[in-house]
Amino acid sequence: MPTIAIIYYSGYGHTAKQAEAVQQDLAEVKGAQVNVYRIDKDGNLPEASMDAIAKADAVIYGSST
């Protein structure tokens, strides 16, 4: 079962919408486990997320420009 990590930062919500769309599309992949991690305004990920991200088979990163 592939594990995919989606990591994103969204200041105004636009990147969050894109991350949600990617998550919905990946949910249709049979057997895929998708985990979403939002970077907070201080640039931090949720605690203990680094271990899960390191174990992921794929990482998708999104941020505003």
Protein backbone atom coordinates (compact mmCIF):
# COMPACT_ATOMS: atom_id res chain seq x y z
CA MET A 1 0.00 0.00 0.00
CA PRO A 2 1.63 3.30 -1.08
CA THR A 3 1.77 6.12 1.43
CA ILE A 4 1.69 9.69 0.16
CA ALA A 5 2.38 12.81 2.23
CA ILE A 6 0.95 16.14 1.14
CA ILE A 7 2.74 19.04 2.82
CA TYR A 8 1.64 22.60 2.24
CA TYR A 9 1.64 26.16 3.47
CA SER A 10 -1.33 28.36 2.68
CA GLY A 11 -1.50 31.99 3.67
CA TYR A 12 -4.89 32.86 2.21
CA GLY A 13 -6.42 29.43 1.59
CA HIS A 14 -5.71 29.02 -2.12
CA THR A 15 -2.95 26.46 -1.65
CA ALA A 16 -5.12 24.66 0.93
CA LYS A 17 -7.83 24.23 -1.72
CA GLN A 18 -5.30 22.76 -4.13
CA ALA A 19 -3.97 20.39 -1.46
CA GLU A 20 -7.53 19.24 -0.75
CA ALA A 21 -8.12 18.63 -4.46
CA VAL A 22 -4.96 16.53 -4.71
CA GLN A 23 -6.00 14.60 -1.60
CA GLN A 24 -9.43 13.86 -3.10
CA ASP A 25 -7.90 12.62 -6.36
CA LEU A 26 -5.40 10.41 -4.53
CA ALA A 27 -8.20 8.97 -2.38
CA GLU A 28 -9.43 7.26 -5.56
CA VAL A 29 -6.17 5.31 -5.92
CA LYS A 30 -6.87 1.84 -4.64
CA GLY A 31 -4.87 1.06 -1.53
CA ALA A 32 -3.23 4.47 -1.24
CA GLN A 33 -2.91 6.07 2.17
CA VAL A 34 -2.80 9.86 2.00
CA ASN A 35 -1.70 12.05 4.89
CA VAL A 36 -1.95 15.84 4.80
CA TYR A 37 0.30 18.14 6.84
CA ARG A 38 -0.19 21.89 7.00
CA ILE A 39 2.76 24.10 7.81
CA ASP A 40 1.70 26.77 10.31
CA LYS A 41 2.35 30.52 10.04
CA ASP A 42 5.62 30.08 11.95
CA GLY A 43 6.89 27.51 9.43
CA ASN A 44 6.37 24.47 11.66
CA LEU A 45 4.86 21.09 10.88
CA PRO A 46 2.70 19.20 13.39
CA GLU A 47 4.70 17.31 16.03
CA ALA A 48 5.84 13.81 15.06
CA SER A 49 4.97 14.40 11.40
CA MET A 50 8.60 14.20 10.29
CA ASP A 51 8.74 10.46 11.02
CA ALA A 52 5.60 9.83 8.98
CA ILE A 53 6.85 12.01 6.13
CA ALA A 54 10.21 10.20 6.11
CA LYS A 55 8.40 6.87 5.73
CA ALA A 56 6.17 8.06 2.88
CA ASP A 57 6.62 6.58 -0.59
CA ALA A 58 5.93 9.97 -2.17
CA VAL A 59 5.86 13.57 -0.97
CA ILE A 60 3.88 16.36 -2.61
CA TYR A 61 4.80 19.87 -1.50
CA GLY A 62 2.84 23.02 -2.15
CA SER A 63 3.27 26.64 -1.17
CA SER A 64 2.15 30.01 -2.32
CA THR A 65 4.43 32.11 -4.47
